Amino acid sequence: MNQLMKRKVSEVSKKKKKGFTLVELIIVIAIIAILAAMAIPRLASMRQNARVSNDVAAAKNIATITSTLVANGQLAPGITYDVSGTAAITNQLDGRATTGMAEASTTDHFSVVVAPNGGIQVLVGANELYPDNNGTGRSTYATRTAAAR
């Protein structure tokens, strides 16, 4: 009889240790929720930074394409071109830049200023993205577009 009791007690204790308790599951869910609450805002800012970086890369491509077109005589110096209205530029771009629209800004277009001396500036709205020797144009653009979203 004593052996039967011991066997039953050991079987019951083995059954209790099979799964997680409700408290353990709630703690794990709470930890996951805290981590998600910290990660989601960071993800939004990373996406915005990626959009700005994409616009800067597109501005560099636009400057290269424009300088090639000016050298070939297809674009005249001393003029400001709206990229969305210049098929010679947009045909050589990819992604959203093919429309002439910036990705980080919902309202601004790329524009190219070709100086009479051949210098090229690429703007998005009022912000100069290329060349941006000290980074102020990019940081101003990033701040402005982050606030607009």
C-alpha atoms as a PDB file:
ATOM      1  CA  MET A   1       0.000   0.000   0.000  1.00  0.00           C
ATOM      2  CA  ASN A   2       2.832   2.351   0.893  1.00  0.00           C
ATOM      3  CA  GLN A   3       4.536   1.686  -2.433  1.00  0.00           C
ATOM      4  CA  LEU A   4       1.292   2.395  -4.291  1.00  0.00           C
ATOM      5  CA  MET A   5       1.001   5.768  -2.523  1.00  0.00           C
ATOM      6  CA  LYS A   6       4.583   6.679  -3.356  1.00  0.00           C
ATOM      7  CA  ARG A   7       4.049   5.766  -6.997  1.00  0.00           C
ATOM      8  CA  LYS A   8       0.892   7.883  -7.195  1.00  0.00           C
ATOM      9  CA  VAL A   9       2.631  10.863  -5.565  1.00  0.00           C
ATOM     10  CA  SER A  10       5.570  10.631  -7.984  1.00  0.00           C
ATOM     11  CA  GLU A  11       3.174  10.380 -10.964  1.00  0.00           C
ATOM     12  CA  VAL A  12       1.271  13.470  -9.794  1.00  0.00           C
ATOM     13  CA  SER A  13       4.482  15.443  -9.251  1.00  0.00           C
ATOM     14  CA  LYS A  14       5.704  14.461 -12.736  1.00  0.00           C
ATOM     15  CA  LYS A  15       2.431  15.655 -14.271  1.00  0.00           C
ATOM     16  CA  LYS A  16       2.731  19.048 -12.570  1.00  0.00           C
ATOM     17  CA  LYS A  17       6.183  19.681 -14.005  1.00  0.00           C
ATOM     18  CA  LYS A  18       5.210  19.141 -17.654  1.00  0.00           C
ATOM     19  CA  GLY A  19       4.239  22.687 -18.689  1.00  0.00           C
ATOM     20  CA  PHE A  20       4.576  26.345 -17.847  1.00  0.00           C
ATOM     21  CA  THR A  21       2.457  27.971 -15.200  1.00  0.00           C
ATOM     22  CA  LEU A  22       0.125  30.820 -16.018  1.00  0.00           C
ATOM     23  CA  VAL A  23       2.335  33.267 -14.119  1.00  0.00           C
ATOM     24  CA  GLU A  24       5.383  32.260 -16.158  1.00  0.00           C
ATOM     25  CA  LEU A  25       3.478  32.744 -19.407  1.00  0.00           C
ATOM     26  CA  ILE A  26       2.181  36.160 -18.330  1.00  0.00           C
ATOM     27  CA  ILE A  27       5.719  37.268 -17.418  1.00  0.00           C
ATOM     28  CA  VAL A  28       7.050  36.177 -20.820  1.00  0.00           C
ATOM     29  CA  ILE A  29       4.199  37.992 -22.606  1.00  0.00           C
ATOM     30  CA  ALA A  30       4.880  41.136 -20.554  1.00  0.00           C
ATOM     31  CA  ILE A  31       8.583  41.057 -21.460  1.00  0.00           C
ATOM     32  CA  ILE A  32       7.747  40.652 -25.156  1.00  0.00           C
ATOM     33  CA  ALA A  33       5.286  43.564 -24.949  1.00  0.00           C
ATOM     34  CA  ILE A  34       7.910  45.806 -23.332  1.00  0.00           C
ATOM     35  CA  LEU A  35      10.470  44.941 -26.011  1.00  0.00           C
ATOM     36  CA  ALA A  36       7.924  45.598 -28.775  1.00  0.00           C
ATOM     37  CA  ALA A  37       6.998  48.959 -27.230  1.00  0.00           C
ATOM     38  CA  MET A  38      10.653  49.974 -27.344  1.00  0.00           C
ATOM     39  CA  ALA A  39      11.290  48.655 -30.869  1.00  0.00           C
ATOM     40  CA  ILE A  40       8.319  50.099 -32.783  1.00  0.00           C
ATOM     41  CA  PRO A  41       9.231  53.821 -32.446  1.00  0.00           C
ATOM     42  CA  ARG A  42      12.832  52.995 -33.322  1.00  0.00           C
ATOM     43  CA  LEU A  43      11.655  51.181 -36.433  1.00  0.00           C
ATOM     44  CA  ALA A  44       9.716  54.261 -37.607  1.00  0.00           C
ATOM     45  CA  SER A  45      12.767  56.511 -37.257  1.00  0.00           C
ATOM     46  CA  MET A  46      14.948  53.962 -39.058  1.00  0.00           C
ATOM     47  CA  ARG A  47      12.485  53.871 -41.956  1.00  0.00           C
ATOM     48  CA  GLN A  48      12.561  57.678 -42.188  1.00  0.00           C
ATOM     49  CA  ASN A  49      16.371  57.690 -42.167  1.00  0.00           C
ATOM     50  CA  ALA A  50      16.325  55.113 -44.967  1.00  0.00           C
ATOM     51  CA  ARG A  51      14.014  57.332 -47.030  1.00  0.00           C
ATOM     52  CA  VAL A  52      16.328  60.323 -46.565  1.00  0.00           C
ATOM     53  CA  SER A  53      19.363  58.214 -47.514  1.00  0.00           C
ATOM     54  CA  ASN A  54      17.505  57.033 -50.604  1.00  0.00           C
ATOM     55  CA  ASP A  55      16.801  60.658 -51.579  1.00  0.00           C
ATOM     56  CA  VAL A  56      20.466  61.592 -51.119  1.00  0.00           C
ATOM     57  CA  ALA A  57      21.520  58.656 -53.303  1.00  0.00           C
ATOM     58  CA  ALA A  58      18.936  59.661 -55.924  1.00  0.00           C
ATOM     59  CA  ALA A  59      20.268  63.238 -55.811  1.00  0.00           C
ATOM     60  CA  LYS A  60      23.782  61.978 -56.515  1.00  0.00           C
ATOM     61  CA  ASN A  61      22.473  59.932 -59.452  1.00  0.00           C
ATOM     62  CA  ILE A  62      20.533  62.918 -60.768  1.00  0.00           C
ATOM     63  CA  ALA A  63      23.668  65.081 -60.578  1.00  0.00           C
ATOM     64  CA  THR A  64      25.678  62.491 -62.497  1.00  0.00           C
ATOM     65  CA  ILE A  65      22.990  62.077 -65.151  1.00  0.00           C
ATOM     66  CA  THR A  66      22.608  65.859 -65.479  1.00  0.00           C
ATOM     67  CA  SER A  67      26.342  66.434 -65.860  1.00  0.00           C
ATOM     68  CA  THR A  68      26.424  63.785 -68.609  1.00  0.00           C
ATOM     69  CA  LEU A  69      23.490  65.402 -70.400  1.00  0.00           C
ATOM     70  CA  VAL A  70      25.070  68.865 -70.146  1.00  0.00           C
ATOM     71  CA  ALA A  71      28.355  67.498 -71.490  1.00  0.00           C
ATOM     72  CA  ASN A  72      26.479  65.893 -74.419  1.00  0.00           C
ATOM     73  CA  GLY A  73      24.651  69.164 -75.126  1.00  0.00           C
ATOM     74  CA  GLN A  74      21.190  67.773 -74.293  1.00  0.00           C
ATOM     75  CA  LEU A  75      20.664  70.197 -71.378  1.00  0.00           C
ATOM     76  CA  ALA A  76      21.652  73.850 -71.377  1.00  0.00           C
ATOM     77  CA  PRO A  77      23.644  75.424 -68.518  1.00  0.00           C
ATOM     78  CA  GLY A  78      22.196  78.333 -66.569  1.00  0.00           C
ATOM     79  CA  ILE A  79      18.733  76.742 -66.183  1.00  0.00           C
ATOM     80  CA  THR A  80      16.856  75.113 -63.306  1.00  0.00           C
ATOM     81  CA  TYR A  81      15.190  71.851 -64.332  1.00  0.00           C
ATOM     82  CA  ASP A  82      12.320  70.128 -62.548  1.00  0.00           C
ATOM     83  CA  VAL A  83      13.305  66.460 -62.674  1.00  0.00           C
ATOM     84  CA  SER A  84       9.692  65.292 -63.013  1.00  0.00           C
ATOM     85  CA  GLY A  85       9.353  67.322 -66.220  1.00  0.00           C
ATOM     86  CA  THR A  86      12.679  66.331 -67.743  1.00  0.00           C
ATOM     87  CA  ALA A  87      12.329  62.946 -69.433  1.00  0.00           C
ATOM     88  CA  ALA A  88      16.021  62.825 -70.321  1.00  0.00           C
ATOM     89  CA  ILE A  89      16.775  62.570 -66.584  1.00  0.00           C
ATOM     90  CA  THR A  90      13.832  60.469 -65.343  1.00  0.00           C
ATOM     91  CA  ASN A  91      14.347  57.806 -68.025  1.00  0.00           C
ATOM     92  CA  GLN A  92      17.717  56.984 -66.477  1.00  0.00           C
ATOM     93  CA  LEU A  93      16.522  56.779 -62.866  1.00  0.00           C
ATOM     94  CA  ASP A  94      14.912  53.914 -60.977  1.00  0.00           C
ATOM     95  CA  GLY A  95      12.575  53.599 -58.005  1.00  0.00           C
ATOM     96  CA  ARG A  96      10.312  56.421 -56.931  1.00  0.00           C
ATOM     97  CA  ALA A  97      12.802  58.975 -58.257  1.00  0.00           C
ATOM     98  CA  THR A  98      11.560  58.179 -61.791  1.00  0.00           C
ATOM     99  CA  THR A  99       8.515  60.318 -60.984  1.00  0.00           C
ATOM    100  CA  GLY A 100      10.724  63.181 -59.832  1.00  0.00           C
ATOM    101  CA  MET A 101       9.255  62.936 -56.343  1.00  0.00           C
ATOM    102  CA  ALA A 102      11.372  62.651 -53.232  1.00  0.00           C
ATOM    103  CA  GLU A 103      10.702  59.604 -51.084  1.00  0.00           C
ATOM    104  CA  ALA A 104      11.068  61.166 -47.640  1.00  0.00           C
ATOM    105  CA  SER A 105       8.898  64.161 -48.510  1.00  0.00           C
ATOM    106  CA  THR A 106       5.320  63.691 -49.639  1.00  0.00           C
ATOM    107  CA  THR A 107       5.104  67.003 -51.506  1.00  0.00           C
ATOM    108  CA  ASP A 108       8.550  67.956 -52.808  1.00  0.00           C
ATOM    109  CA  HIS A 109      10.107  67.298 -56.204  1.00  0.00           C
ATOM    110  CA  PHE A 110      13.734  67.010 -57.161  1.00  0.00           C
ATOM    111  CA  SER A 111      15.049  69.993 -59.090  1.00  0.00           C
ATOM    112  CA  VAL A 112      18.436  70.506 -60.694  1.00  0.00           C
ATOM    113  CA  VAL A 113      20.183  73.871 -60.937  1.00  0.00           C
ATOM    114  CA  VAL A 114      22.788  73.908 -63.690  1.00  0.00           C
ATOM    115  CA  ALA A 115      25.004  76.938 -63.171  1.00  0.00           C
ATOM    116  CA  PRO A 116      26.432  78.786 -66.188  1.00  0.00           C
ATOM    117  CA  ASN A 117      29.903  77.545 -65.204  1.00  0.00           C
ATOM    118  CA  GLY A 118      28.667  73.934 -65.273  1.00  0.00           C
ATOM    119  CA  GLY A 119      28.220  73.454 -61.528  1.00  0.00           C
ATOM    120  CA  ILE A 120      25.257  71.275 -60.597  1.00  0.00           C
ATOM    121  CA  GLN A 121      23.076  71.441 -57.492  1.00  0.00           C
ATOM    122  CA  VAL A 122      20.265  69.010 -56.752  1.00  0.00           C
ATOM    123  CA  LEU A 123      17.502  70.327 -54.513  1.00  0.00           C
ATOM    124  CA  VAL A 124      14.456  68.824 -52.872  1.00  0.00           C
ATOM    125  CA  GLY A 125      12.176  71.701 -52.087  1.00  0.00           C
ATOM    126  CA  ALA A 126      14.528  74.330 -50.622  1.00  0.00           C
ATOM    127  CA  ASN A 127      17.076  71.817 -49.312  1.00  0.00           C
ATOM    128  CA  GLU A 128      20.281  71.205 -51.231  1.00  0.00           C
ATOM    129  CA  LEU A 129      20.993  67.487 -51.134  1.00  0.00           C
ATOM    130  CA  TYR A 130      23.885  67.437 -53.585  1.00  0.00           C
ATOM    131  CA  PRO A 131      26.573  68.610 -53.265  1.00  0.00           C
ATOM    132  CA  ASP A 132      26.235  68.940 -49.518  1.00  0.00           C
ATOM    133  CA  ASN A 133      29.776  69.447 -48.311  1.00  0.00           C
ATOM    134  CA  ASN A 134      29.019  69.898 -44.621  1.00  0.00           C
ATOM    135  CA  GLY A 135      25.871  67.777 -44.191  1.00  0.00           C
ATOM    136  CA  THR A 136      23.610  70.655 -43.136  1.00  0.00           C
ATOM    137  CA  GLY A 137      21.290  70.246 -46.125  1.00  0.00           C
ATOM    138  CA  ARG A 138      20.744  66.573 -45.422  1.00  0.00           C
ATOM    139  CA  SER A 139      20.207  67.082 -41.685  1.00  0.00           C
ATOM    140  CA  THR A 140      17.772  69.963 -42.288  1.00  0.00           C
ATOM    141  CA  TYR A 141      15.922  67.878 -44.856  1.00  0.00           C
ATOM    142  CA  ALA A 142      15.784  64.865 -42.528  1.00  0.00           C
ATOM    143  CA  THR A 143      14.479  66.978 -39.645  1.00  0.00           C
ATOM    144  CA  ARG A 144      11.871  68.687 -41.801  1.00  0.00           C
ATOM    145  CA  THR A 145      10.569  65.477 -43.390  1.00  0.00           C
ATOM    146  CA  ALA A 146      10.489  63.651 -40.035  1.00  0.00           C
ATOM    147  CA  ALA A 147       8.372  66.449 -38.581  1.00  0.00           C
ATOM    148  CA  ALA A 148       6.022  66.367 -41.572  1.00  0.00           C
ATOM    149  CA  ARG A 149       5.257  62.654 -41.236  1.00  0.00           C
END
